[in-house]
C-alpha cells in the first residue's frame, strides 16, 4: 500500500519539478551576452537572490532523489506473497484439448503400498548366529 503511495508521490514530484524548471528565467547566458552585447558585467550573468522558484526547485530535487533511492531499495527486495508459504495441493492441470474444469472433483489415485525391502546384508567381518532349530523330542 505504501509502495503505491510513494510511487504516486514520485510521479507528482517529477511532473512538478519539470514545470518549475521550465518556469524559471534564464541566467542571462544567451548569445548576446557571450559577445559583450548584454549589459551584464559578470561572466555568467548577474547573481540574484534565491527566489521562490529556486527554493521550490531545490526542495523538489531533494524529494525526487530521496524517493528514487527509496523506491530503488524497496524494489530490490522483491515482492512477497501472502500465500507464498502455504503448502497446498498442486494446481490441477487440464488434459490436452480440454477447455473447462470437469464438474466432478478429481480424486487422487489410491496410494500403492511400498514393496517390502530386502533384509540388509551383514557388515563385513561380522558373523551372524545360525537360526535355532528345534531339537527332536526324545522318546521315553
N, C-alpha and C. Protein backbone atom coordinates (compact mmCIF):
# COMPACT_ATOMS: atom_id res chain seq x y z
N UNK A 1 0.82 -1.18 0.00
CA UNK A 1 0.00 0.00 0.00
C UNK A 1 0.87 1.25 0.00
N UNK A 2 1.86 1.27 0.90
CA UNK A 2 2.73 2.45 0.95
C UNK A 2 3.58 2.56 -0.30
N UNK A 3 3.89 1.43 -0.92
CA UNK A 3 4.69 1.46 -2.14
C UNK A 3 3.99 2.29 -3.21
N UNK A 4 2.69 2.06 -3.38
CA UNK A 4 1.94 2.81 -4.40
C UNK A 4 1.81 4.28 -4.03
N UNK A 5 1.75 4.58 -2.75
CA UNK A 5 1.72 5.97 -2.31
C UNK A 5 3.02 6.67 -2.68
N UNK A 6 4.15 5.99 -2.43
CA UNK A 6 5.45 6.59 -2.77
C UNK A 6 5.65 6.71 -4.27
N UNK A 7 5.15 5.75 -5.03
CA UNK A 7 5.25 5.86 -6.50
C UNK A 7 4.44 7.05 -6.99
N UNK A 8 3.26 7.24 -6.43
CA UNK A 8 2.43 8.38 -6.81
C UNK A 8 3.12 9.70 -6.46
N UNK A 9 3.67 9.79 -5.26
CA UNK A 9 4.41 11.00 -4.87
C UNK A 9 5.61 11.24 -5.78
N UNK A 10 6.27 10.18 -6.18
CA UNK A 10 7.44 10.29 -7.06
C UNK A 10 7.03 10.86 -8.42
N UNK A 11 5.95 10.35 -8.97
CA UNK A 11 5.49 10.84 -10.28
C UNK A 11 5.06 12.31 -10.19
N UNK A 12 4.35 12.66 -9.12
CA UNK A 12 3.92 14.05 -8.94
C UNK A 12 5.14 14.96 -8.78
N UNK A 13 6.13 14.53 -7.99
CA UNK A 13 7.34 15.33 -7.82
C UNK A 13 8.07 15.52 -9.15
N UNK A 14 8.10 14.49 -9.98
CA UNK A 14 8.76 14.61 -11.30
C UNK A 14 8.04 15.63 -12.18
N UNK A 15 6.72 15.53 -12.23
CA UNK A 15 5.97 16.45 -13.09
C UNK A 15 6.07 17.90 -12.61
N UNK A 16 5.93 18.12 -11.31
CA UNK A 16 6.02 19.49 -10.78
C UNK A 16 7.44 20.03 -10.96
N UNK A 17 8.45 19.18 -10.78
CA UNK A 17 9.83 19.62 -10.97
C UNK A 17 10.08 20.07 -12.41
N UNK A 18 9.53 19.35 -13.37
CA UNK A 18 9.68 19.77 -14.77
C UNK A 18 9.02 21.12 -15.02
N UNK A 19 7.85 21.31 -14.47
CA UNK A 19 7.13 22.58 -14.67
C UNK A 19 7.89 23.73 -14.02
N UNK A 20 8.38 23.53 -12.80
CA UNK A 20 9.09 24.60 -12.08
C UNK A 20 10.39 24.96 -12.81
N UNK A 21 11.08 23.98 -13.33
CA UNK A 21 12.33 24.27 -14.06
C UNK A 21 12.03 25.06 -15.33
N UNK A 22 10.98 24.69 -16.02
CA UNK A 22 10.65 25.41 -17.25
C UNK A 22 10.14 26.83 -16.99
N UNK A 23 9.61 27.10 -15.81
CA UNK A 23 9.13 28.44 -15.49
C UNK A 23 10.25 29.41 -15.12
N UNK A 24 11.41 28.89 -14.78
CA UNK A 24 12.48 29.77 -14.32
C UNK A 24 13.07 30.59 -15.47
N UNK A 25 13.52 31.77 -15.10
CA UNK A 25 14.14 32.65 -16.08
C UNK A 25 15.60 32.24 -16.25
N UNK A 26 16.11 32.41 -17.46
CA UNK A 26 17.50 32.07 -17.73
C UNK A 26 18.46 32.96 -16.97
N UNK A 27 19.71 32.54 -16.87
CA UNK A 27 20.72 33.30 -16.12
C UNK A 27 21.39 34.38 -16.98
N UNK A 28 20.88 34.64 -18.14
CA UNK A 28 21.45 35.69 -18.96
C UNK A 28 22.64 35.21 -19.79
N UNK A 29 22.70 33.95 -20.07
CA UNK A 29 23.82 33.41 -20.84
C UNK A 29 23.49 33.24 -22.30
N UNK A 30 22.67 34.13 -22.88
CA UNK A 30 22.32 33.99 -24.28
C UNK A 30 23.46 34.47 -25.17
N UNK A 31 23.29 34.41 -26.45
CA UNK A 31 24.37 34.71 -27.42
C UNK A 31 24.80 36.16 -27.37
N UNK A 32 23.91 37.08 -27.05
CA UNK A 32 24.28 38.50 -27.00
C UNK A 32 25.24 38.76 -25.84
N UNK A 33 25.02 38.13 -24.71
CA UNK A 33 25.92 38.32 -23.58
C UNK A 33 27.29 37.66 -23.81
N UNK A 34 27.33 36.65 -24.64
CA UNK A 34 28.60 35.97 -24.88
C UNK A 34 29.58 36.87 -25.65
N UNK A 35 29.07 37.79 -26.49
CA UNK A 35 29.94 38.67 -27.27
C UNK A 35 29.96 40.09 -26.75
N UNK A 36 29.55 40.32 -25.53
CA UNK A 36 29.61 41.64 -24.93
C UNK A 36 28.45 42.55 -25.27
N UNK A 37 27.41 42.06 -25.91
CA UNK A 37 26.28 42.88 -26.28
C UNK A 37 25.31 43.13 -25.13
N UNK A 38 25.39 42.33 -24.10
CA UNK A 38 24.46 42.48 -22.99
C UNK A 38 24.98 43.50 -22.00
N UNK A 39 24.14 43.88 -21.07
CA UNK A 39 24.53 44.87 -20.07
C UNK A 39 25.14 44.23 -18.84
N UNK A 40 25.33 42.94 -18.87
CA UNK A 40 25.85 42.24 -17.70
C UNK A 40 27.35 42.43 -17.61
N UNK A 41 27.86 42.62 -16.40
CA UNK A 41 29.30 42.76 -16.18
C UNK A 41 29.93 41.43 -15.78
N UNK A 42 29.14 40.48 -15.28
CA UNK A 42 29.68 39.19 -14.84
C UNK A 42 29.77 38.25 -16.04
N UNK A 43 30.56 37.22 -15.89
CA UNK A 43 30.76 36.28 -16.99
C UNK A 43 29.48 35.50 -17.27
N UNK A 44 28.83 35.02 -16.23
CA UNK A 44 27.64 34.21 -16.43
C UNK A 44 26.36 34.95 -16.05
N UNK A 45 26.34 36.22 -16.05
CA UNK A 45 25.15 36.99 -15.74
C UNK A 45 25.18 37.47 -14.30
N UNK A 46 24.27 38.37 -14.01
CA UNK A 46 24.22 38.93 -12.67
C UNK A 46 23.68 37.90 -11.69
N UNK A 47 24.23 37.90 -10.49
CA UNK A 47 23.76 36.98 -9.47
C UNK A 47 22.60 37.63 -8.73
N UNK A 48 21.52 36.89 -8.64
CA UNK A 48 20.36 37.39 -7.92
C UNK A 48 20.11 36.53 -6.69
N UNK A 49 19.32 37.01 -5.78
CA UNK A 49 18.97 36.24 -4.59
C UNK A 49 18.10 35.05 -4.95
N UNK A 50 18.01 34.13 -4.02
CA UNK A 50 17.20 32.95 -4.26
C UNK A 50 15.72 33.33 -4.25
N UNK A 51 15.04 33.03 -5.34
CA UNK A 51 13.62 33.33 -5.44
C UNK A 51 12.82 32.12 -4.97
N UNK A 52 11.53 32.27 -4.97
CA UNK A 52 10.66 31.18 -4.55
C UNK A 52 10.81 29.98 -5.48
N UNK A 53 10.97 30.25 -6.79
CA UNK A 53 11.10 29.14 -7.73
C UNK A 53 12.37 28.33 -7.51
N UNK A 54 13.48 29.00 -7.16
CA UNK A 54 14.71 28.25 -6.92
C UNK A 54 14.62 27.44 -5.63
N UNK A 55 13.90 27.95 -4.62
CA UNK A 55 13.72 27.19 -3.38
C UNK A 55 12.82 25.98 -3.61
N UNK A 56 11.76 26.17 -4.41
CA UNK A 56 10.88 25.05 -4.73
C UNK A 56 11.63 24.01 -5.56
N UNK A 57 12.48 24.47 -6.47
CA UNK A 57 13.27 23.55 -7.28
C UNK A 57 14.21 22.73 -6.41
N UNK A 58 14.85 23.36 -5.45
CA UNK A 58 15.76 22.63 -4.56
C UNK A 58 15.00 21.61 -3.72
N UNK A 59 13.84 22.00 -3.20
CA UNK A 59 13.04 21.07 -2.41
C UNK A 59 12.54 19.88 -3.22
N UNK A 60 12.07 20.16 -4.42
CA UNK A 60 11.59 19.07 -5.28
C UNK A 60 12.73 18.17 -5.74
N UNK A 61 13.92 18.73 -5.91
CA UNK A 61 15.08 17.92 -6.28
C UNK A 61 15.43 16.95 -5.16
N UNK A 62 15.39 17.43 -3.93
CA UNK A 62 15.66 16.55 -2.78
C UNK A 62 14.59 15.47 -2.69
N UNK A 63 13.32 15.83 -2.89
CA UNK A 63 12.24 14.84 -2.85
C UNK A 63 12.39 13.82 -3.97
N UNK A 64 12.76 14.29 -5.16
CA UNK A 64 12.96 13.41 -6.30
C UNK A 64 14.06 12.39 -6.02
N UNK A 65 15.20 12.84 -5.52
CA UNK A 65 16.31 11.93 -5.26
C UNK A 65 16.00 10.98 -4.11
N UNK A 66 15.36 11.49 -3.07
CA UNK A 66 15.04 10.64 -1.91
C UNK A 66 14.04 9.55 -2.29
N UNK A 67 13.00 9.93 -3.01
CA UNK A 67 12.01 8.94 -3.41
C UNK A 67 12.59 7.94 -4.41
N UNK A 68 13.47 8.39 -5.29
CA UNK A 68 14.09 7.47 -6.23
C UNK A 68 14.95 6.44 -5.49
N UNK A 69 15.70 6.88 -4.50
CA UNK A 69 16.52 5.97 -3.70
C UNK A 69 15.64 5.01 -2.90
N UNK A 70 14.59 5.53 -2.28
CA UNK A 70 13.68 4.69 -1.50
C UNK A 70 13.02 3.62 -2.37
N UNK A 71 12.53 4.01 -3.53
CA UNK A 71 11.88 3.05 -4.42
C UNK A 71 12.86 2.04 -4.99
N UNK A 72 14.10 2.44 -5.22
CA UNK A 72 15.10 1.50 -5.72
C UNK A 72 15.44 0.46 -4.66
N UNK A 73 15.57 0.88 -3.43
CA UNK A 73 15.86 -0.07 -2.35
C UNK A 73 14.66 -0.98 -2.13
N UNK A 74 13.46 -0.40 -2.11
CA UNK A 74 12.26 -1.18 -1.89
C UNK A 74 12.04 -2.19 -3.03
N UNK A 75 12.32 -1.77 -4.25
CA UNK A 75 12.14 -2.65 -5.40
C UNK A 75 13.16 -3.77 -5.47
N UNK A 76 14.34 -3.56 -4.91
CA UNK A 76 15.37 -4.60 -4.97
C UNK A 76 15.08 -5.74 -4.01
N UNK A 77 14.22 -5.51 -3.03
CA UNK A 77 13.88 -6.57 -2.08
C UNK A 77 12.91 -7.58 -2.68
N UNK A 78 12.25 -7.22 -3.74
CA UNK A 78 11.30 -8.15 -4.36
C UNK A 78 9.95 -8.08 -3.70
N UNK A 79 9.02 -8.76 -4.30
CA UNK A 79 7.68 -8.76 -3.77
C UNK A 79 7.44 -10.02 -2.99
N UNK A 80 6.65 -9.92 -1.97
CA UNK A 80 6.28 -11.08 -1.18
C UNK A 80 4.83 -11.43 -1.45
N UNK A 81 4.49 -12.65 -1.16
CA UNK A 81 3.13 -13.10 -1.37
C UNK A 81 2.53 -13.54 -0.05
N UNK A 82 1.27 -13.27 0.13
CA UNK A 82 0.60 -13.68 1.35
C UNK A 82 0.50 -15.19 1.40
N UNK A 83 0.30 -15.83 0.27
CA UNK A 83 0.15 -17.27 0.22
C UNK A 83 1.43 -17.97 -0.23
N UNK A 84 2.53 -17.30 -0.20
CA UNK A 84 3.78 -17.89 -0.67
C UNK A 84 4.24 -19.06 0.16
N UNK A 85 4.02 -19.05 1.47
CA UNK A 85 4.50 -20.12 2.32
C UNK A 85 3.47 -21.19 2.59
N UNK A 86 2.28 -21.10 2.01
CA UNK A 86 1.22 -22.08 2.27
C UNK A 86 1.44 -23.28 1.38
N UNK A 87 1.51 -24.46 2.02
CA UNK A 87 1.63 -25.69 1.24
C UNK A 87 0.24 -26.24 1.02
N UNK A 88 -0.13 -26.37 -0.17
CA UNK A 88 -1.44 -26.88 -0.50
C UNK A 88 -1.33 -27.86 -1.65
N UNK A 89 -2.45 -28.31 -2.12
CA UNK A 89 -2.40 -29.25 -3.25
C UNK A 89 -1.89 -28.54 -4.50
N UNK A 90 -1.22 -29.28 -5.34
CA UNK A 90 -0.73 -28.64 -6.57
C UNK A 90 -1.90 -28.25 -7.46
N UNK A 91 -1.72 -27.27 -8.30
CA UNK A 91 -2.81 -26.85 -9.18
C UNK A 91 -3.19 -27.97 -10.15
N UNK A 92 -4.46 -28.02 -10.47
CA UNK A 92 -4.96 -29.05 -11.37
C UNK A 92 -4.63 -28.65 -12.79
N UNK A 93 -4.01 -29.59 -13.53
CA UNK A 93 -3.71 -29.31 -14.93
C UNK A 93 -4.75 -30.02 -15.79
N UNK A 94 -5.19 -29.35 -16.80
CA UNK A 94 -6.22 -29.89 -17.68
C UNK A 94 -5.57 -30.76 -18.76
N UNK A 95 -6.28 -31.81 -19.18
CA UNK A 95 -5.74 -32.61 -20.28
C UNK A 95 -5.70 -31.80 -21.57
N UNK A 96 -4.91 -32.27 -22.51
CA UNK A 96 -4.76 -31.54 -23.77
C UNK A 96 -6.10 -31.46 -24.48
N UNK A 97 -6.47 -30.32 -24.94
CA UNK A 97 -7.71 -30.11 -25.66
C UNK A 97 -8.89 -29.77 -24.77
N UNK A 98 -8.75 -29.88 -23.46
CA UNK A 98 -9.85 -29.56 -22.55
C UNK A 98 -9.94 -28.06 -22.38
N UNK A 99 -11.16 -27.54 -22.29
CA UNK A 99 -11.32 -26.11 -22.13
C UNK A 99 -11.91 -25.74 -20.79
N UNK A 100 -12.64 -26.66 -20.14
CA UNK A 100 -13.26 -26.37 -18.87
C UNK A 100 -12.81 -27.38 -17.83
N UNK A 101 -12.95 -26.98 -16.59
CA UNK A 101 -12.67 -27.90 -15.50
C UNK A 101 -13.88 -28.80 -15.35
N UNK A 102 -13.70 -30.11 -15.17
CA UNK A 102 -14.85 -31.00 -15.06
C UNK A 102 -15.69 -30.66 -13.83
N UNK A 103 -16.99 -31.00 -13.92
CA UNK A 103 -17.91 -30.68 -12.83
C UNK A 103 -17.66 -31.54 -11.61
N UNK A 104 -17.16 -32.76 -11.82
CA UNK A 104 -16.91 -33.64 -10.69
C UNK A 104 -15.49 -33.45 -10.19
N UNK A 105 -15.28 -33.56 -8.89
CA UNK A 105 -13.92 -33.38 -8.38
C UNK A 105 -13.03 -34.53 -8.79
N UNK A 106 -11.81 -34.22 -9.01
CA UNK A 106 -10.82 -35.23 -9.38
C UNK A 106 -10.28 -35.82 -8.09
N UNK A 107 -10.41 -37.14 -7.96
CA UNK A 107 -9.90 -37.80 -6.76
C UNK A 107 -8.54 -38.38 -7.06
N UNK A 108 -7.64 -38.29 -6.13
CA UNK A 108 -6.31 -38.85 -6.40
C UNK A 108 -6.37 -40.37 -6.39
N UNK A 109 -5.49 -41.00 -7.12
CA UNK A 109 -5.40 -42.45 -7.17
C UNK A 109 -4.98 -42.97 -5.81
N UNK A 110 -5.50 -44.15 -5.41
CA UNK A 110 -5.09 -44.68 -4.11
C UNK A 110 -3.60 -44.97 -4.10
N UNK A 111 -3.04 -44.73 -2.95
CA UNK A 111 -1.60 -44.93 -2.82
C UNK A 111 -1.30 -46.42 -2.82
N UNK A 112 -0.31 -46.81 -3.59
CA UNK A 112 0.09 -48.23 -3.62
C UNK A 112 1.10 -48.46 -2.50
N UNK A 113 0.98 -49.61 -1.84
CA UNK A 113 1.93 -49.87 -0.75
C UNK A 113 3.33 -50.05 -1.31
N UNK A 114 4.27 -49.61 -0.56
CA UNK A 114 5.66 -49.73 -0.99
C UNK A 114 6.08 -51.18 -0.91
N UNK A 115 6.88 -51.66 -1.86
CA UNK A 115 7.34 -53.06 -1.79
C UNK A 115 8.24 -53.24 -0.58
N UNK A 116 8.16 -54.46 -0.03
CA UNK A 116 8.97 -54.73 1.15
C UNK A 116 10.44 -54.74 0.76
N UNK A 117 11.22 -54.15 1.59
CA UNK A 117 12.65 -54.08 1.31
C UNK A 117 13.30 -55.40 1.68
N UNK A 118 14.31 -55.75 0.94
CA UNK A 118 15.08 -56.96 1.24
C UNK A 118 15.88 -56.73 2.51
N UNK A 119 16.11 -57.79 3.28
CA UNK A 119 16.90 -57.59 4.51
C UNK A 119 18.29 -57.11 4.17
N UNK A 120 18.79 -56.30 5.03
CA UNK A 120 20.11 -55.72 4.80
C UNK A 120 21.17 -56.80 4.99
N UNK A 121 22.21 -56.73 4.19
CA UNK A 121 23.33 -57.67 4.30
C UNK A 121 24.15 -57.31 5.52
N UNK A 122 24.69 -58.31 6.22
CA UNK A 122 25.51 -58.01 7.40
C UNK A 122 26.79 -57.32 6.99
N UNK A 123 27.30 -56.56 7.90
CA UNK A 123 28.55 -55.84 7.64
C UNK A 123 29.69 -56.83 7.51
N UNK A 124 30.70 -56.43 6.78
CA UNK A 124 31.85 -57.30 6.55
C UNK A 124 32.56 -57.55 7.87
N UNK A 125 32.95 -58.80 8.10
CA UNK A 125 33.71 -59.13 9.28
C UNK A 125 32.85 -59.49 10.48
N UNK A 126 31.55 -59.51 10.31
CA UNK A 126 30.69 -59.89 11.43
C UNK A 126 30.08 -61.24 11.13
N UNK A 127 29.81 -61.95 12.17
CA UNK A 127 29.17 -63.26 11.99
C UNK A 127 27.75 -63.17 12.45
N UNK A 128 26.92 -63.91 11.79
CA UNK A 128 25.52 -63.93 12.18
C UNK A 128 25.24 -65.28 12.83
N UNK A 129 24.48 -65.28 13.88
CA UNK A 129 24.18 -66.57 14.52
C UNK A 129 23.28 -67.41 13.63
N UNK A 130 23.50 -68.70 13.69
CA UNK A 130 22.67 -69.62 12.91
C UNK A 130 21.28 -69.65 13.51
N UNK A 131 20.28 -69.84 12.69
CA UNK A 131 18.93 -69.90 13.24
C UNK A 131 18.78 -71.11 14.14
N UNK A 132 18.05 -70.92 15.18
CA UNK A 132 17.85 -72.01 16.13
C UNK A 132 16.91 -73.03 15.54
N UNK A 133 17.32 -74.32 15.63
CA UNK A 133 16.46 -75.39 15.14
C UNK A 133 15.92 -76.13 16.35
N UNK A 134 14.66 -76.48 16.32
CA UNK A 134 14.11 -77.20 17.46
C UNK A 134 14.70 -78.62 17.52
N UNK A 135 15.01 -79.05 18.70
CA UNK A 135 15.54 -80.42 18.88
C UNK A 135 14.39 -81.41 18.81
N UNK A 136 14.69 -82.56 18.24
CA UNK A 136 13.61 -83.55 18.17
C UNK A 136 13.26 -84.06 19.59
N UNK A 137 12.04 -84.36 19.78
CA UNK A 137 11.61 -84.81 21.10
C UNK A 137 12.13 -86.23 21.34
N UNK A 138 12.61 -86.53 22.56
CA UNK A 138 13.15 -87.84 22.90
C UNK A 138 12.01 -88.75 23.33
N UNK A 139 12.15 -89.98 22.97
CA UNK A 139 11.15 -90.97 23.36
C UNK A 139 11.54 -91.54 24.70
N UNK A 140 10.61 -91.78 25.49
CA UNK A 140 10.91 -92.40 26.78
C UNK A 140 10.30 -93.72 26.91
